[in-house]
Amino acid sequence: MAGKLEAKDVNAEALRAALQDVIDPEVGMNIVDLGLIYGVSVEAGQVKIDMTMTSPACPMGDMMLDEIEAVLKRVLPKGWEFEIELVWEPPWSPALMSETARTQLGWEE
């Protein structure tokens, strides 16, 4: 579990690491390794997260968005703003998962 970041330490890599605390309850794996995080950008006190769900009908979507928001509030310095954008293109596929995730879930090619 990541703690509060200093402004100089806020970058895409640190935020992806923090987002590994968010677990997709249907799969039991973090959203980063599942390939649900498409992009993380940091610019002048603002963070933008582009993400998707495994399907548009994902019943846990709102809960995961709430958890992402909680993580960002916990790790971002005071005064930083963030936006989480849910995108559907490109559609999620198992190919977006990390090698570790594919192996754990038996999606080896």
Protein backbone atom coordinates (compact mmCIF):
# COMPACT_ATOMS: atom_id res chain seq x y z
CA MET A 1 0.00 0.00 0.00
CA ALA A 2 1.54 3.25 -1.15
CA GLY A 3 1.65 6.32 1.09
CA LYS A 4 1.44 10.00 0.17
CA LEU A 5 3.80 10.93 -2.66
CA GLU A 6 5.91 14.08 -2.76
CA ALA A 7 5.11 16.27 -5.79
CA LYS A 8 8.51 15.49 -7.32
CA ASP A 9 7.76 11.76 -7.10
CA VAL A 10 4.38 11.83 -8.85
CA ASN A 11 4.86 10.08 -12.17
CA ALA A 12 3.11 7.42 -14.23
CA GLU A 13 5.23 4.60 -12.79
CA ALA A 14 4.52 5.57 -9.16
CA LEU A 15 0.80 5.91 -9.86
CA ARG A 16 0.64 2.55 -11.64
CA ALA A 17 2.32 1.01 -8.60
CA ALA A 18 -0.26 2.61 -6.30
CA LEU A 19 -3.13 1.43 -8.53
CA GLN A 20 -1.98 -2.15 -8.01
CA ASP A 21 -3.85 -1.88 -4.69
CA VAL A 22 -7.14 -1.91 -6.65
CA ILE A 23 -8.35 -5.46 -7.18
CA ASP A 24 -10.96 -6.53 -9.73
CA PRO A 25 -13.16 -8.61 -7.41
CA GLU A 26 -14.48 -10.79 -10.23
CA VAL A 27 -10.98 -11.94 -11.17
CA GLY A 28 -9.10 -11.41 -7.89
CA MET A 29 -6.23 -9.58 -9.56
CA ASN A 30 -5.09 -5.97 -9.61
CA ILE A 31 -6.30 -3.71 -12.40
CA VAL A 32 -2.79 -2.85 -13.61
CA ASP A 33 -1.75 -6.46 -14.25
CA LEU A 34 -5.16 -7.12 -15.82
CA GLY A 35 -4.38 -4.43 -18.39
CA LEU A 36 -7.32 -2.22 -17.45
CA ILE A 37 -5.15 0.91 -17.11
CA TYR A 38 -4.56 2.22 -20.62
CA GLY A 39 -2.78 5.44 -19.74
CA VAL A 40 -1.51 7.56 -16.87
CA SER A 41 -0.48 11.14 -17.52
CA VAL A 42 0.89 13.68 -15.06
CA GLU A 43 1.10 17.38 -15.82
CA ALA A 44 1.26 20.48 -13.61
CA GLY A 45 -0.55 19.16 -10.56
CA GLN A 46 -3.04 17.11 -12.54
CA VAL A 47 -3.33 13.39 -13.17
CA LYS A 48 -5.39 11.71 -15.86
CA ILE A 49 -6.08 7.99 -15.83
CA ASP A 50 -7.51 6.32 -18.95
CA MET A 51 -8.91 2.91 -18.16
CA THR A 52 -11.36 0.30 -19.32
CA MET A 53 -13.28 -2.63 -17.90
CA THR A 54 -13.18 -6.24 -19.03
CA SER A 55 -16.66 -5.63 -20.49
CA PRO A 56 -19.07 -2.68 -20.74
CA ALA A 57 -21.49 -4.64 -18.52
CA CYS A 58 -18.94 -5.09 -15.71
CA PRO A 59 -21.03 -5.15 -12.51
CA MET A 60 -18.07 -4.05 -10.38
CA GLY A 61 -17.16 -1.01 -12.46
CA ASP A 62 -18.49 1.64 -10.07
CA MET A 63 -16.83 -0.03 -7.11
CA MET A 64 -13.46 -0.15 -8.89
CA LEU A 65 -13.77 3.51 -9.92
CA ASP A 66 -14.44 4.40 -6.28
CA GLU A 67 -11.37 2.44 -5.20
CA ILE A 68 -9.19 4.15 -7.82
CA GLU A 69 -10.41 7.52 -6.57
CA ALA A 70 -9.60 6.51 -2.97
CA VAL A 71 -6.07 5.44 -3.96
CA LEU A 72 -5.44 8.69 -5.83
CA LYS A 73 -6.71 10.77 -2.90
CA ARG A 74 -4.43 8.80 -0.59
CA VAL A 75 -1.23 9.12 -2.63
CA LEU A 76 -1.47 12.48 -4.41
CA PRO A 77 -0.10 15.59 -2.70
CA LYS A 78 -2.61 18.07 -1.32
CA GLY A 79 -4.08 20.26 -4.03
CA TRP A 80 -3.51 17.82 -6.88
CA GLU A 81 -6.47 17.10 -9.13
CA PHE A 82 -7.27 13.95 -11.03
CA GLU A 83 -9.60 12.68 -13.71
CA ILE A 84 -10.50 9.06 -14.40
CA GLU A 85 -11.78 8.49 -17.92
CA LEU A 86 -13.49 5.23 -18.80
CA VAL A 87 -12.73 4.31 -22.42
CA TRP A 88 -13.86 1.39 -24.55
CA GLU A 89 -11.42 1.65 -27.46
CA PRO A 90 -9.48 -0.42 -27.90
CA PRO A 91 -11.66 -3.08 -26.29
CA TRP A 92 -10.02 -5.00 -23.47
CA SER A 93 -8.64 -8.44 -24.28
CA PRO A 94 -6.52 -10.96 -22.38
CA ALA A 95 -3.56 -9.90 -24.56
CA LEU A 96 -3.43 -6.67 -22.49
CA MET A 97 -2.68 -8.56 -19.27
CA SER A 98 0.83 -8.75 -17.89
CA GLU A 99 2.67 -12.02 -18.42
CA THR A 100 2.29 -12.73 -14.70
CA ALA A 101 -1.48 -12.24 -14.89
CA ARG A 102 -1.84 -14.44 -17.97
CA THR A 103 0.15 -17.20 -16.29
CA GLN A 104 -1.79 -16.93 -13.01
CA LEU A 105 -5.13 -17.06 -14.81
CA GLY A 106 -4.08 -19.80 -17.22
CA TRP A 107 -4.19 -17.64 -20.36
CA GLU A 108 -0.76 -18.73 -21.52
CA GLU A 109 -0.32 -18.67 -25.26
